[in-house]
C-alpha atoms as a PDB file:
ATOM      1  CA  MET A   1     215.782  -8.370 125.413  1.00  0.00           C
ATOM      2  CA  ILE A   2     215.659 -10.132 122.055  1.00  0.00           C
ATOM      3  CA  GLY A   3     214.897  -8.400 118.624  1.00  0.00           C
ATOM      4  CA  PRO A   4     214.226  -8.603 115.438  1.00  0.00           C
ATOM      5  CA  SER A   5     217.063 -10.747 113.412  1.00  0.00           C
ATOM      6  CA  ARG A   6     216.868  -9.981 110.281  1.00  0.00           C
ATOM      7  CA  SER A   7     220.640  -8.719 110.674  1.00  0.00           C
ATOM      8  CA  THR A   8     223.519 -10.146 111.809  1.00  0.00           C
ATOM      9  CA  SER A   9     226.003  -7.804 111.350  1.00  0.00           C
ATOM     10  CA  ARG A  10     227.552  -6.355 114.561  1.00  0.00           C
ATOM     11  CA  GLU A  11     230.582  -4.180 116.102  1.00  0.00           C
ATOM     12  CA  VAL A  12     232.449  -6.214 118.243  1.00  0.00           C
ATOM     13  CA  PHE A  13     234.609  -5.245 120.997  1.00  0.00           C
ATOM     14  CA  VAL A  14     238.251  -7.112 122.220  1.00  0.00           C
ATOM     15  CA  ARG A  15     239.251  -6.981 125.561  1.00  0.00           C
ATOM     16  CA  ASP A  16     241.948  -9.956 125.095  1.00  0.00           C
ATOM     17  CA  GLU A  17     243.730 -12.110 122.370  1.00  0.00           C
ATOM     18  CA  GLU A  18     244.658 -15.709 122.790  1.00  0.00           C
ATOM     19  CA  PRO A  19     246.026 -18.426 120.319  1.00  0.00           C
ATOM     20  CA  LEU A  20     243.854 -21.351 119.313  1.00  0.00           C
ATOM     21  CA  SER A  21     244.093 -24.696 121.645  1.00  0.00           C
ATOM     22  CA  GLN A  22     243.820 -28.425 120.900  1.00  0.00           C
ATOM     23  CA  TYR A  23     240.499 -28.331 122.622  1.00  0.00           C
ATOM     24  CA  GLY A  24     237.179 -28.294 121.221  1.00  0.00           C
ATOM     25  CA  LYS A  25     235.693 -28.368 118.003  1.00  0.00           C
ATOM     26  CA  ARG A  26     234.350 -26.424 115.175  1.00  0.00           C
ATOM     27  CA  PRO A  27     230.927 -26.846 114.286  1.00  0.00           C
ATOM     28  CA  GLU A  28     231.362 -27.949 110.953  1.00  0.00           C
ATOM     29  CA  GLU A  29     233.820 -30.351 112.087  1.00  0.00           C
ATOM     30  CA  ARG A  30     231.754 -32.441 114.342  1.00  0.00           C
ATOM     31  CA  ASN A  31     231.091 -36.223 114.115  1.00  0.00           C
ATOM     32  CA  VAL A  32     227.580 -37.226 113.005  1.00  0.00           C
ATOM     33  CA  GLU A  33     226.852 -38.392 116.349  1.00  0.00           C
ATOM     34  CA  GLU A  34     227.884 -34.865 117.934  1.00  0.00           C
ATOM     35  CA  LEU A  35     225.640 -33.326 115.332  1.00  0.00           C
ATOM     36  CA  ILE A  36     222.870 -35.088 116.450  1.00  0.00           C
ATOM     37  CA  GLU A  37     223.649 -34.086 119.859  1.00  0.00           C
ATOM     38  CA  TYR A  38     223.856 -30.718 118.548  1.00  0.00           C
ATOM     39  CA  GLY A  39     221.829 -30.085 116.149  1.00  0.00           C
ATOM     40  CA  VAL A  40     218.896 -28.445 114.858  1.00  0.00           C
ATOM     41  CA  ILE A  41     216.553 -29.003 111.692  1.00  0.00           C
ATOM     42  CA  ASN A  42     214.926 -26.363 109.687  1.00  0.00           C
ATOM     43  CA  LEU A  43     212.100 -28.282 108.812  1.00  0.00           C
ATOM     44  CA  ASP A  44     209.380 -27.793 105.874  1.00  0.00           C
ATOM     45  CA  LYS A  45     205.905 -28.807 107.820  1.00  0.00           C
ATOM     46  CA  PRO A  46     203.659 -30.156 105.479  1.00  0.00           C
ATOM     47  CA  ALA A  47     199.730 -29.196 105.738  1.00  0.00           C
ATOM     48  CA  GLY A  48     197.868 -31.804 107.772  1.00  0.00           C
ATOM     49  CA  PRO A  49     200.040 -32.907 110.768  1.00  0.00           C
ATOM     50  CA  SER A  50     199.623 -30.627 114.021  1.00  0.00           C
ATOM     51  CA  SER A  51     203.508 -29.340 115.124  1.00  0.00           C
ATOM     52  CA  HIS A  52     203.285 -32.228 118.131  1.00  0.00           C
ATOM     53  CA  GLU A  53     202.404 -35.025 115.535  1.00  0.00           C
ATOM     54  CA  VAL A  54     205.730 -33.850 113.265  1.00  0.00           C
ATOM     55  CA  VAL A  55     207.673 -34.392 116.033  1.00  0.00           C
ATOM     56  CA  ALA A  56     206.272 -37.832 117.484  1.00  0.00           C
ATOM     57  CA  TRP A  57     206.670 -39.018 113.618  1.00  0.00           C
ATOM     58  CA  LEU A  58     210.501 -37.943 113.544  1.00  0.00           C
ATOM     59  CA  ARG A  59     211.099 -39.562 117.281  1.00  0.00           C
ATOM     60  CA  LYS A  60     210.121 -42.691 115.776  1.00  0.00           C
ATOM     61  CA  LEU A  61     211.175 -42.508 112.467  1.00  0.00           C
ATOM     62  CA  VAL A  62     214.774 -41.552 112.886  1.00  0.00           C
ATOM     63  CA  GLY A  63     215.148 -42.961 116.480  1.00  0.00           C
ATOM     64  CA  ILE A  64     216.207 -39.842 118.499  1.00  0.00           C
ATOM     65  CA  GLY A  65     215.312 -39.371 122.116  1.00  0.00           C
ATOM     66  CA  LYS A  66     214.839 -36.053 122.523  1.00  0.00           C
ATOM     67  CA  VAL A  67     213.074 -33.957 119.918  1.00  0.00           C
ATOM     68  CA  ALA A  68     211.473 -30.681 120.414  1.00  0.00           C
ATOM     69  CA  HIS A  69     209.942 -27.908 118.213  1.00  0.00           C
ATOM     70  CA  ALA A  70     209.856 -24.370 118.553  1.00  0.00           C
ATOM     71  CA  GLY A  71     207.102 -21.883 117.432  1.00  0.00           C
ATOM     72  CA  THR A  72     203.799 -24.497 116.875  1.00  0.00           C
ATOM     73  CA  LEU A  73     202.032 -24.065 113.551  1.00  0.00           C
ATOM     74  CA  ASP A  74     198.019 -24.874 113.181  1.00  0.00           C
ATOM     75  CA  PRO A  75     197.717 -27.844 110.771  1.00  0.00           C
ATOM     76  CA  LYS A  76     196.693 -26.122 108.099  1.00  0.00           C
ATOM     77  CA  VAL A  77     199.833 -24.050 108.504  1.00  0.00           C
ATOM     78  CA  THR A  78     202.804 -25.262 106.331  1.00  0.00           C
ATOM     79  CA  GLY A  79     206.511 -23.963 106.766  1.00  0.00           C
ATOM     80  CA  VAL A  80     209.572 -23.526 108.660  1.00  0.00           C
ATOM     81  CA  LEU A  81     209.135 -25.224 111.703  1.00  0.00           C
ATOM     82  CA  PRO A  82     212.496 -25.532 113.784  1.00  0.00           C
ATOM     83  CA  ILE A  83     213.286 -29.015 115.233  1.00  0.00           C
ATOM     84  CA  LEU A  84     215.517 -29.255 118.067  1.00  0.00           C
ATOM     85  CA  LEU A  85     217.776 -32.504 118.732  1.00  0.00           C
ATOM     86  CA  ASN A  86     218.910 -33.690 122.355  1.00  0.00           C
ATOM     87  CA  ARG A  87     221.232 -31.079 124.188  1.00  0.00           C
ATOM     88  CA  SER A  88     219.606 -28.288 121.601  1.00  0.00           C
ATOM     89  CA  ILE A  89     216.280 -28.523 123.179  1.00  0.00           C
ATOM     90  CA  LYS A  90     217.691 -25.969 125.477  1.00  0.00           C
ATOM     91  CA  VAL A  91     217.626 -22.518 123.115  1.00  0.00           C
ATOM     92  CA  VAL A  92     214.109 -23.816 122.687  1.00  0.00           C
ATOM     93  CA  PRO A  93     212.331 -20.896 125.121  1.00  0.00           C
ATOM     94  CA  TYR A  94     214.844 -18.416 122.964  1.00  0.00           C
ATOM     95  CA  LEU A  95     213.533 -19.196 119.702  1.00  0.00           C
ATOM     96  CA  LEU A  96     210.032 -19.036 120.990  1.00  0.00           C
ATOM     97  CA  ALA A  97     211.135 -15.593 120.679  1.00  0.00           C
ATOM     98  CA  GLU A  98     212.101 -14.971 117.450  1.00  0.00           C
ATOM     99  CA  ASP A  99     210.662 -12.808 114.645  1.00  0.00           C
ATOM    100  CA  LYS A 100     209.322 -14.260 111.789  1.00  0.00           C
ATOM    101  CA  GLU A 101     207.997 -13.959 108.409  1.00  0.00           C
ATOM    102  CA  TYR A 102     205.224 -15.265 106.636  1.00  0.00           C
ATOM    103  CA  VAL A 103     203.071 -15.247 103.004  1.00  0.00           C
ATOM    104  CA  GLY A 104     199.342 -16.273 103.059  1.00  0.00           C
ATOM    105  CA  VAL A 105     195.992 -15.296 101.079  1.00  0.00           C
ATOM    106  CA  LEU A 106     192.910 -13.659 102.880  1.00  0.00           C
ATOM    107  CA  ARG A 107     190.090 -14.286 101.767  1.00  0.00           C
ATOM    108  CA  LEU A 108     187.511 -11.490 101.741  1.00  0.00           C
ATOM    109  CA  HIS A 109     183.869 -12.203 101.981  1.00  0.00           C
ATOM    110  CA  GLY A 110     183.156  -9.478  99.991  1.00  0.00           C
ATOM    111  CA  ASP A 111     184.286  -7.263  96.823  1.00  0.00           C
ATOM    112  CA  VAL A 112     186.597  -4.218  98.191  1.00  0.00           C
ATOM    113  CA  SER A 113     188.705  -2.064  95.819  1.00  0.00           C
ATOM    114  CA  GLU A 114     192.261  -2.911  95.442  1.00  0.00           C
ATOM    115  CA  GLU A 115     192.880   0.476  96.622  1.00  0.00           C
ATOM    116  CA  ASP A 116     191.105  -0.040  99.936  1.00  0.00           C
ATOM    117  CA  ILE A 117     192.071  -3.262 100.566  1.00  0.00           C
ATOM    118  CA  ARG A 118     195.898  -1.919 100.521  1.00  0.00           C
ATOM    119  CA  ARG A 119     195.042   0.846 102.895  1.00  0.00           C
ATOM    120  CA  ALA A 120     193.401  -1.219 105.120  1.00  0.00           C
ATOM    121  CA  VAL A 121     196.126  -4.129 105.559  1.00  0.00           C
ATOM    122  CA  SER A 122     199.004  -0.808 105.968  1.00  0.00           C
ATOM    123  CA  MET A 123     197.220   0.171 108.965  1.00  0.00           C
ATOM    124  CA  PHE A 124     198.615  -2.790 110.419  1.00  0.00           C
ATOM    125  CA  LYS A 125     202.014  -2.113 110.461  1.00  0.00           C
ATOM    126  CA  GLY A 126     203.153  -1.128 114.228  1.00  0.00           C
ATOM    127  CA  SER A 127     201.699  -2.368 117.055  1.00  0.00           C
ATOM    128  CA  VAL A 128     198.349  -4.224 117.536  1.00  0.00           C
ATOM    129  CA  TYR A 129     196.334  -4.870 120.154  1.00  0.00           C
ATOM    130  CA  GLN A 130     195.169  -9.040 119.876  1.00  0.00           C
ATOM    131  CA  ARG A 131     192.993 -11.259 122.066  1.00  0.00           C
ATOM    132  CA  PRO A 132     194.185 -15.122 121.140  1.00  0.00           C
ATOM    133  CA  PRO A 133     191.634 -17.072 119.347  1.00  0.00           C
ATOM    134  CA  LEU A 134     189.515 -19.448 121.120  1.00  0.00           C
ATOM    135  CA  ARG A 135     191.543 -22.440 120.226  1.00  0.00           C
ATOM    136  CA  SER A 136     194.897 -21.346 121.818  1.00  0.00           C
ATOM    137  CA  ALA A 137     197.385 -22.669 124.330  1.00  0.00           C
ATOM    138  CA  VAL A 138     197.358 -19.046 126.038  1.00  0.00           C
ATOM    139  CA  LYS A 139     195.241 -17.079 128.165  1.00  0.00           C
ATOM    140  CA  ARG A 140     192.959 -15.167 126.634  1.00  0.00           C
ATOM    141  CA  VAL A 141     193.664 -11.493 127.144  1.00  0.00           C
ATOM    142  CA  VAL A 142     194.676  -8.607 125.042  1.00  0.00           C
ATOM    143  CA  ARG A 143     198.093  -8.617 124.113  1.00  0.00           C
ATOM    144  CA  VAL A 144     200.332  -5.921 122.041  1.00  0.00           C
ATOM    145  CA  ARG A 145     202.109  -7.293 119.232  1.00  0.00           C
ATOM    146  CA  LYS A 146     204.425  -5.540 116.718  1.00  0.00           C
ATOM    147  CA  ILE A 147     203.680  -6.128 112.841  1.00  0.00           C
ATOM    148  CA  TYR A 148     207.428  -4.584 111.719  1.00  0.00           C
ATOM    149  CA  ASP A 149     205.888  -4.852 108.229  1.00  0.00           C
ATOM    150  CA  VAL A 150     203.271  -6.098 106.053  1.00  0.00           C
ATOM    151  CA  LYS A 151     202.787  -5.807 102.450  1.00  0.00           C
ATOM    152  CA  VAL A 152     199.854  -6.632  99.450  1.00  0.00           C
ATOM    153  CA  LEU A 153     201.553  -8.381  96.709  1.00  0.00           C
ATOM    154  CA  GLU A 154     198.733  -9.233  94.534  1.00  0.00           C
ATOM    155  CA  VAL A 155     195.027  -9.130  94.889  1.00  0.00           C
ATOM    156  CA  SER A 156     192.578 -11.147  92.508  1.00  0.00           C
ATOM    157  CA  GLY A 157     188.824 -10.983  93.362  1.00  0.00           C
ATOM    158  CA  ARG A 158     188.725 -11.433  97.231  1.00  0.00           C
ATOM    159  CA  ASP A 159     191.390 -13.392  97.443  1.00  0.00           C
ATOM    160  CA  VAL A 160     194.582 -11.169  98.578  1.00  0.00           C
ATOM    161  CA  LEU A 161     198.398 -12.884  98.975  1.00  0.00           C
ATOM    162  CA  PHE A 162     200.565 -10.765 101.464  1.00  0.00           C
ATOM    163  CA  TRP A 163     203.562 -10.968 103.282  1.00  0.00           C
ATOM    164  CA  MET A 164     204.098  -9.981 106.847  1.00  0.00           C
ATOM    165  CA  TRP A 165     207.162  -9.343 109.155  1.00  0.00           C
ATOM    166  CA  CYS A 166     206.089  -9.785 112.793  1.00  0.00           C
ATOM    167  CA  GLU A 167     207.010 -10.277 116.640  1.00  0.00           C
ATOM    168  CA  ALA A 168     206.818 -13.919 118.003  1.00  0.00           C
ATOM    169  CA  GLY A 169     203.282 -14.660 119.311  1.00  0.00           C
ATOM    170  CA  THR A 170     201.420 -12.621 116.605  1.00  0.00           C
ATOM    171  CA  TYR A 171     198.084 -14.210 115.229  1.00  0.00           C
ATOM    172  CA  VAL A 172     198.162 -14.188 111.934  1.00  0.00           C
ATOM    173  CA  ARG A 173     194.341 -15.174 111.583  1.00  0.00           C
ATOM    174  CA  LYS A 174     193.470 -12.777 113.550  1.00  0.00           C
ATOM    175  CA  PHE A 175     194.835  -9.710 111.472  1.00  0.00           C
ATOM    176  CA  CYS A 176     193.486 -11.515 108.530  1.00  0.00           C
ATOM    177  CA  HIS A 177     189.493 -10.982 110.795  1.00  0.00           C
ATOM    178  CA  ASP A 178     190.859  -7.399 111.523  1.00  0.00           C
ATOM    179  CA  VAL A 179     191.477  -6.762 108.023  1.00  0.00           C
ATOM    180  CA  GLY A 180     187.844  -8.014 106.991  1.00  0.00           C
ATOM    181  CA  LEU A 181     186.133  -5.445 110.241  1.00  0.00           C
ATOM    182  CA  ILE A 182     188.076  -2.716 108.851  1.00  0.00           C
ATOM    183  CA  LEU A 183     186.845  -3.225 105.295  1.00  0.00           C
ATOM    184  CA  GLY A 184     183.471  -3.915 106.499  1.00  0.00           C
ATOM    185  CA  VAL A 185     182.862  -6.963 104.583  1.00  0.00           C
ATOM    186  CA  GLY A 186     184.172  -9.708 106.920  1.00  0.00           C
ATOM    187  CA  ALA A 187     187.542 -11.807 106.009  1.00  0.00           C
ATOM    188  CA  HIS A 188     189.262 -14.883 107.193  1.00  0.00           C
ATOM    189  CA  MET A 189     192.843 -16.480 106.312  1.00  0.00           C
ATOM    190  CA  GLN A 190     192.756 -19.284 103.670  1.00  0.00           C
ATOM    191  CA  GLU A 191     196.291 -20.244 103.717  1.00  0.00           C
ATOM    192  CA  LEU A 192     199.535 -19.269 105.483  1.00  0.00           C
ATOM    193  CA  ARG A 193     203.336 -20.231 105.013  1.00  0.00           C
ATOM    194  CA  ARG A 194     205.640 -19.241 107.566  1.00  0.00           C
ATOM    195  CA  ILE A 195     209.168 -18.640 105.352  1.00  0.00           C
ATOM    196  CA  ARG A 196     211.574 -17.434 107.997  1.00  0.00           C
ATOM    197  CA  SER A 197     211.616 -18.383 111.963  1.00  0.00           C
ATOM    198  CA  GLY A 198     214.668 -16.314 113.109  1.00  0.00           C
ATOM    199  CA  SER A 199     217.799 -17.326 111.349  1.00  0.00           C
ATOM    200  CA  LEU A 200     215.927 -20.036 109.673  1.00  0.00           C
ATOM    201  CA  LYS A 201     215.028 -19.917 106.283  1.00  0.00           C
ATOM    202  CA  GLU A 202     212.139 -20.953 103.611  1.00  0.00           C
ATOM    203  CA  GLU A 203     214.752 -21.852 101.023  1.00  0.00           C
ATOM    204  CA  GLU A 204     216.979 -23.546 103.507  1.00  0.00           C
ATOM    205  CA  SER A 205     214.479 -26.204 104.893  1.00  0.00           C
ATOM    206  CA  VAL A 206     213.966 -29.747 104.753  1.00  0.00           C
ATOM    207  CA  THR A 207     211.442 -32.350 104.086  1.00  0.00           C
ATOM    208  CA  LEU A 208     210.152 -35.439 106.653  1.00  0.00           C
ATOM    209  CA  HIS A 209     211.089 -37.951 103.292  1.00  0.00           C
ATOM    210  CA  ASP A 210     214.617 -35.743 103.296  1.00  0.00           C
ATOM    211  CA  VAL A 211     215.067 -36.557 107.178  1.00  0.00           C
ATOM    212  CA  VAL A 212     214.275 -39.986 106.994  1.00  0.00           C
ATOM    213  CA  ASP A 213     216.295 -40.590 103.896  1.00  0.00           C
ATOM    214  CA  ALA A 214     219.138 -38.683 105.201  1.00  0.00           C
ATOM    215  CA  PHE A 215     219.185 -41.032 108.452  1.00  0.00           C
ATOM    216  CA  SER A 216     219.054 -44.324 105.863  1.00  0.00           C
ATOM    217  CA  PHE A 217     221.670 -43.486 104.014  1.00  0.00           C
ATOM    218  CA  TRP A 218     224.008 -42.959 107.091  1.00  0.00           C
ATOM    219  CA  LYS A 219     222.550 -45.828 109.301  1.00  0.00           C
ATOM    220  CA  GLU A 220     222.404 -48.026 106.521  1.00  0.00           C
ATOM    221  CA  GLU A 221     225.510 -47.237 103.994  1.00  0.00           C
ATOM    222  CA  GLY A 222     227.622 -44.631 106.159  1.00  0.00           C
ATOM    223  CA  ASP A 223     226.852 -42.088 103.883  1.00  0.00           C
ATOM    224  CA  GLU A 224     227.034 -38.782 106.205  1.00  0.00           C
ATOM    225  CA  THR A 225     226.852 -36.598 102.950  1.00  0.00           C
ATOM    226  CA  PHE A 226     222.856 -36.019 103.496  1.00  0.00           C
ATOM    227  CA  ILE A 227     222.354 -35.791 106.916  1.00  0.00           C
ATOM    228  CA  ARG A 228     224.985 -33.419 107.148  1.00  0.00           C
ATOM    229  CA  ARG A 229     222.667 -31.386 104.871  1.00  0.00           C
ATOM    230  CA  VAL A 230     219.517 -32.081 106.882  1.00  0.00           C
ATOM    231  CA  ILE A 231     221.208 -31.185 110.341  1.00  0.00           C
ATOM    232  CA  THR A 232     222.423 -27.978 111.135  1.00  0.00           C
ATOM    233  CA  PRO A 233     224.715 -27.186 114.560  1.00  0.00           C
ATOM    234  CA  VAL A 234     222.638 -25.785 116.810  1.00  0.00           C
ATOM    235  CA  GLU A 235     224.628 -22.189 116.465  1.00  0.00           C
ATOM    236  CA  LYS A 236     222.955 -21.258 113.636  1.00  0.00           C
ATOM    237  CA  VAL A 237     219.714 -20.876 115.540  1.00  0.00           C
ATOM    238  CA  VAL A 238     221.299 -17.712 117.835  1.00  0.00           C
ATOM    239  CA  GLU A 239     223.028 -16.126 115.548  1.00  0.00           C
ATOM    240  CA  HIS A 240     220.595 -13.059 116.023  1.00  0.00           C
ATOM    241  CA  LEU A 241     221.809 -13.490 120.052  1.00  0.00           C
ATOM    242  CA  PRO A 242     224.808 -10.380 120.934  1.00  0.00           C
ATOM    243  CA  ARG A 243     227.840 -12.613 121.233  1.00  0.00           C
ATOM    244  CA  VAL A 244     230.577 -13.206 124.356  1.00  0.00           C
ATOM    245  CA  VAL A 245     233.463 -14.925 123.519  1.00  0.00           C
ATOM    246  CA  VAL A 246     235.380 -16.651 126.520  1.00  0.00           C
ATOM    247  CA  ARG A 247     238.842 -18.058 127.182  1.00  0.00           C
ATOM    248  CA  ASP A 248     239.344 -21.661 126.980  1.00  0.00           C
ATOM    249  CA  SER A 249     240.220 -21.878 130.676  1.00  0.00           C
ATOM    250  CA  SER A 250     236.571 -20.353 131.756  1.00  0.00           C
ATOM    251  CA  VAL A 251     234.427 -23.192 129.342  1.00  0.00           C
ATOM    252  CA  ASP A 252     234.402 -25.958 131.903  1.00  0.00           C
ATOM    253  CA  ALA A 253     233.234 -23.695 134.418  1.00  0.00           C
ATOM    254  CA  ILE A 254     230.339 -22.255 132.787  1.00  0.00           C
ATOM    255  CA  ALA A 255     229.340 -25.620 131.667  1.00  0.00           C
ATOM    256  CA  ARG A 256     229.038 -26.394 135.068  1.00  0.00           C
ATOM    257  CA  GLY A 257     226.685 -23.279 135.683  1.00  0.00           C
ATOM    258  CA  ALA A 258     229.159 -21.136 137.470  1.00  0.00           C
ATOM    259  CA  MET A 259     229.234 -17.535 136.566  1.00  0.00           C
ATOM    260  CA  LEU A 260     231.161 -15.987 133.883  1.00  0.00           C
ATOM    261  CA  ALA A 261     233.746 -13.363 135.210  1.00  0.00           C
ATOM    262  CA  VAL A 262     235.220 -10.527 133.215  1.00  0.00           C
ATOM    263  CA  PRO A 263     238.771 -11.712 133.264  1.00  0.00           C
ATOM    264  CA  GLY A 264     237.429 -15.184 131.315  1.00  0.00           C
ATOM    265  CA  ILE A 265     235.965 -12.493 128.763  1.00  0.00           C
ATOM    266  CA  LEU A 266     238.184 -12.192 125.266  1.00  0.00           C
ATOM    267  CA  ALA A 267     235.610 -10.163 122.990  1.00  0.00           C
ATOM    268  CA  VAL A 268     231.849  -9.231 123.097  1.00  0.00           C
ATOM    269  CA  ASP A 269     229.376  -7.734 120.789  1.00  0.00           C
ATOM    270  CA  ALA A 270     228.661  -3.991 121.030  1.00  0.00           C
ATOM    271  CA  GLY A 271     225.111  -2.748 122.738  1.00  0.00           C
ATOM    272  CA  ILE A 272     224.409  -5.151 125.318  1.00  0.00           C
ATOM    273  CA  LYS A 273     222.486  -4.258 128.397  1.00  0.00           C
ATOM    274  CA  VAL A 274     222.048  -5.234 131.665  1.00  0.00           C
ATOM    275  CA  ASP A 275     219.597  -7.733 131.521  1.00  0.00           C
ATOM    276  CA  ASP A 276     219.967  -8.782 127.655  1.00  0.00           C
ATOM    277  CA  VAL A 277     219.751 -12.434 126.975  1.00  0.00           C
ATOM    278  CA  VAL A 278     223.132 -13.482 125.468  1.00  0.00           C
ATOM    279  CA  ALA A 279     224.744 -16.329 124.124  1.00  0.00           C
ATOM    280  CA  ILE A 280     228.307 -17.722 124.954  1.00  0.00           C
ATOM    281  CA  PHE A 281     230.510 -19.290 122.684  1.00  0.00           C
ATOM    282  CA  THR A 282     234.685 -20.554 122.768  1.00  0.00           C
ATOM    283  CA  LYS A 283     237.219 -19.413 120.046  1.00  0.00           C
ATOM    284  CA  LYS A 284     235.874 -21.934 117.858  1.00  0.00           C
ATOM    285  CA  ASN A 285     232.356 -21.008 117.403  1.00  0.00           C
ATOM    286  CA  GLU A 286     231.114 -23.724 119.912  1.00  0.00           C
ATOM    287  CA  LEU A 287     227.733 -22.549 121.754  1.00  0.00           C
ATOM    288  CA  VAL A 288     228.517 -23.102 125.367  1.00  0.00           C
ATOM    289  CA  ALA A 289     225.439 -21.484 127.186  1.00  0.00           C
ATOM    290  CA  ILE A 290     222.971 -18.842 127.174  1.00  0.00           C
ATOM    291  CA  GLY A 291     222.273 -16.699 129.675  1.00  0.00           C
ATOM    292  CA  LYS A 292     221.339 -12.575 131.255  1.00  0.00           C
ATOM    293  CA  ALA A 293     223.907 -10.391 131.100  1.00  0.00           C
ATOM    294  CA  LEU A 294     224.862  -8.139 134.563  1.00  0.00           C
ATOM    295  CA  MET A 295     226.755  -5.597 132.836  1.00  0.00           C
ATOM    296  CA  ARG A 296     226.724  -3.579 129.767  1.00  0.00           C
ATOM    297  CA  SER A 297     229.326  -4.061 126.813  1.00  0.00           C
ATOM    298  CA  GLU A 298     231.345  -1.362 127.798  1.00  0.00           C
ATOM    299  CA  GLN A 299     232.008  -2.693 131.232  1.00  0.00           C
ATOM    300  CA  MET A 300     232.305  -5.910 130.068  1.00  0.00           C
ATOM    301  CA  ILE A 301     235.499  -4.702 128.468  1.00  0.00           C
ATOM    302  CA  THR A 302     236.777  -2.559 130.918  1.00  0.00           C
ATOM    303  CA  ALA A 303     236.185  -3.721 134.260  1.00  0.00           C
ATOM    304  CA  LYS A 304     238.916  -5.613 136.097  1.00  0.00           C
ATOM    305  CA  LYS A 305     236.505  -7.979 138.068  1.00  0.00           C
ATOM    306  CA  GLY A 306     233.429  -8.799 138.479  1.00  0.00           C
ATOM    307  CA  GLU A 307     230.804 -11.375 136.916  1.00  0.00           C
ATOM    308  CA  ALA A 308     229.222 -10.773 133.694  1.00  0.00           C
ATOM    309  CA  ILE A 309     227.150 -12.942 132.391  1.00  0.00           C
ATOM    310  CA  LYS A 310     224.539 -15.517 134.774  1.00  0.00           C
ATOM    311  CA  PRO A 311     224.222 -18.545 132.810  1.00  0.00           C
ATOM    312  CA  GLU A 312     220.612 -19.750 132.250  1.00  0.00           C
ATOM    313  CA  SER A 313     220.339 -22.830 130.321  1.00  0.00           C
ATOM    314  CA  VAL A 314     223.815 -24.465 129.241  1.00  0.00           C
ATOM    315  CA  LEU A 315     224.443 -26.847 126.335  1.00  0.00           C
ATOM    316  CA  MET A 316     228.054 -27.993 126.240  1.00  0.00           C
ATOM    317  CA  LYS A 317     228.879 -30.965 128.267  1.00  0.00           C
ATOM    318  CA  PRO A 318     231.464 -30.372 131.436  1.00  0.00           C
ATOM    319  CA  GLY A 319     234.770 -32.237 130.489  1.00  0.00           C
ATOM    320  CA  THR A 320     234.573 -31.151 126.986  1.00  0.00           C
ATOM    321  CA  TYR A 321     237.228 -28.378 127.682  1.00  0.00           C
ATOM    322  CA  PRO A 322     239.717 -29.209 130.596  1.00  0.00           C
ATOM    323  CA  SER A 323     238.857 -28.030 134.186  1.00  0.00           C
ATOM    324  CA  LEU A 324     240.823 -24.916 135.161  1.00  0.00           C
ATOM    325  CA  TRP A 325     238.779 -24.018 138.312  1.00  0.00           C
ATOM    326  CA  HIS A 326     240.076 -25.200 141.461  1.00  0.00           C
ATOM    327  CA  GLY A 327     238.646 -24.820 144.814  1.00  0.00           C
ATOM    328  CA  LYS A 328     236.951 -21.447 145.741  1.00  0.00           C
ATOM    329  CA  LYS A 329     239.408 -19.754 142.746  1.00  0.00           C
ATOM    330  CA  LYS A 330     237.305 -17.081 141.138  1.00  0.00           C
ATOM    331  CA  VAL A 331     235.152 -18.556 137.959  1.00  0.00           C
ATOM    332  CA  SER A 332     236.813 -17.791 134.716  1.00  0.00           C
ATOM    333  CA  GLU A 333     240.031 -16.680 135.885  1.00  0.00           C
ATOM    334  CA  LYS A 334     243.220 -15.699 133.529  1.00  0.00           C
ATOM    335  CA  PRO A 335     245.639 -18.892 134.271  1.00  0.00           C
ATOM    336  CA  THR A 336     249.196 -17.183 135.423  1.00  0.00           C
END
């Protein structure tokens, strides 16, 4: 399960330790080509184009073959739009499940007291039932979504400025409509801006112009300063996932899709349960793969054998670390 990502503090269980080796490279030490291969752009989407059009523009303007976005924003909606490059595209399914924060303007169709407005909005904190709108890419069935928190920031006449922290897949437009129904005057969403998607925040976002300029400086003048500001290592966007750190001798086997056995584990985050989505990292904080836990954290630390994680999306290229897996030898077995 993937829960809210507002906090990245975590308790870590250590199974074993081993010194850093010559293999691998810390994400911040990657050259620009490697950064593009394993990079993410925290884009501040402008009003007007669709999310799909923004991706098409980026692909054409900066010449990157593989580009995708996570968490569609309607054409009129602005704010944080995660853009995944090349091998980083494999984390899209996990970013779609991240929680979000928005600020928006709800416009009422009649006059209502501020006290009544605040009372009505507060009623939506918690689980809500929603049916996707007619113009939606998903099936129009009633779904339950969670609004972790919602607050009225300011009321000016019939305009209500609000902030919302919610589960992925929550339709803010539907929330505005339902508030209007409760107040008996009707309402619609006038403006909306996403200020956070998972670990990506508004204050760290960049514009389309920033991206194009950064690529131009790098390609034409060899200046890496700006491109390193606009492209973030993919590791940043999976900070919300529980982590498992593995031995160097385990990395190449996992990069080839092999199961992770417990002897290959160095450390795990506390609180992992069976079937949880977890991120597999090297000692140098490189994301190897994302997979499904087959054991609880405590079992991963105390068991002497057994498969702990089944990789589902592998990001690291095979051969990045030396292959120490021969024949039918158990994957991730500690070398003697």
